[in-house]
C-alpha cells in the first residue's frame, strides 16, 4: 500500500500528514510534550508506539493492530528460489 494524504488530529490539533496502513507521519504540534490522542480522517485510532524526529519535528507513529494480535507468516515448508 502506498502513502496517502490524511487529515490528522494530534492532541486536538489539526495537521496534514500521511498514512500507510499502520504507519502515520505528520508534523508535531508546537508545545507537545506527550502524544495522548490521535484521529486519522475523523476516526480515533489507538497508538502503538511513536517517536519524534527532532531534525524536522515530525511524528512517526505506529498504530496498534486492530484486534490486538499480529498474524504470523505461514510457511508451506518450501524454499523460494530466484
Protein backbone atom coordinates (compact mmCIF):
# COMPACT_ATOMS: atom_id res chain seq x y z
CA UNK A 1 0.00 0.00 0.00
CA UNK A 2 1.28 3.48 -0.85
CA UNK A 3 1.39 6.52 1.40
CA UNK A 4 -1.85 8.53 1.26
CA UNK A 5 -2.55 12.08 2.43
CA UNK A 6 -4.69 12.25 5.57
CA UNK A 7 -6.28 14.78 7.90
CA UNK A 8 -4.82 14.08 11.30
CA UNK A 9 -5.65 15.46 14.72
CA UNK A 10 -2.84 15.20 17.29
CA UNK A 11 -3.94 16.01 20.86
CA UNK A 12 -6.80 18.04 19.36
CA UNK A 13 -4.60 20.00 16.91
CA UNK A 14 -5.33 19.62 13.18
CA UNK A 15 -2.35 18.77 10.97
CA UNK A 16 -1.85 17.36 7.49
CA UNK A 17 0.06 14.11 7.24
CA UNK A 18 0.41 10.74 5.56
CA UNK A 19 -0.84 7.22 6.33
CA UNK A 20 0.43 3.86 5.11
CA UNK A 21 -1.60 1.02 6.68
CA UNK A 22 -0.50 1.13 10.34
CA UNK A 23 2.06 3.93 9.93
CA UNK A 24 1.33 7.64 10.32
CA UNK A 25 3.71 10.53 9.71
CA UNK A 26 2.85 14.16 10.42
CA UNK A 27 4.25 17.42 11.80
CA UNK A 28 4.50 17.64 15.58
CA UNK A 29 2.27 20.37 17.06
CA UNK A 30 4.10 23.13 18.95
CA UNK A 31 4.44 22.63 22.71
CA UNK A 32 3.54 18.93 22.50
CA UNK A 33 5.09 17.06 25.40
CA UNK A 34 3.34 13.70 25.01
CA UNK A 35 1.12 12.09 22.37
CA UNK A 36 -2.20 11.45 24.11
CA UNK A 37 -4.77 11.19 21.33
CA UNK A 38 -4.78 10.67 17.58
CA UNK A 39 -7.51 10.89 14.97
CA UNK A 40 -6.94 9.93 11.32
CA UNK A 41 -9.52 11.10 8.76
CA UNK A 42 -12.07 11.62 11.54
CA UNK A 43 -11.58 8.18 13.13
CA UNK A 44 -9.99 7.78 16.58
CA UNK A 45 -7.11 5.30 16.45
CA UNK A 46 -5.04 3.57 19.13
CA UNK A 47 -1.35 4.45 19.30
CA UNK A 48 1.02 1.51 19.49
CA UNK A 49 4.28 3.48 19.59
CA UNK A 50 5.71 6.75 18.35
CA UNK A 51 8.91 8.71 18.03
CA UNK A 52 9.77 12.31 17.29
CA UNK A 53 12.23 13.04 14.50
CA UNK A 54 13.91 16.09 16.05
CA UNK A 55 15.65 17.04 12.81
CA UNK A 56 12.39 18.32 11.36
CA UNK A 57 9.90 17.98 14.29
CA UNK A 58 7.87 15.20 12.71
CA UNK A 59 5.97 12.44 14.44
CA UNK A 60 6.40 8.87 13.25
CA UNK A 61 3.56 6.79 14.70
CA UNK A 62 2.82 3.09 14.63
CA UNK A 63 -0.84 2.31 15.19
CA UNK A 64 -1.98 -0.60 17.30
CA UNK A 65 -3.11 -3.59 15.27
CA UNK A 66 -6.93 -3.96 15.30
CA UNK A 67 -7.85 -6.94 17.46
CA UNK A 68 -4.52 -6.72 19.28
CA UNK A 69 -2.76 -9.61 17.58
CA UNK A 70 -0.43 -9.83 14.67
CA UNK A 71 -0.77 -12.57 12.09
CA UNK A 72 2.20 -14.86 11.86
CA UNK A 73 3.69 -15.56 8.49
CA UNK A 74 2.81 -19.07 7.38
CA UNK A 75 5.29 -21.27 5.58
CA UNK A 76 4.48 -24.14 3.28
CA UNK A 77 7.89 -25.63 4.01
CA UNK A 78 9.23 -24.95 0.51
CA UNK A 79 12.11 -22.60 -0.12
CA UNK A 80 11.84 -19.92 -2.75
CA UNK A 81 14.46 -19.64 -5.43
CA UNK A 82 15.20 -16.54 -7.51
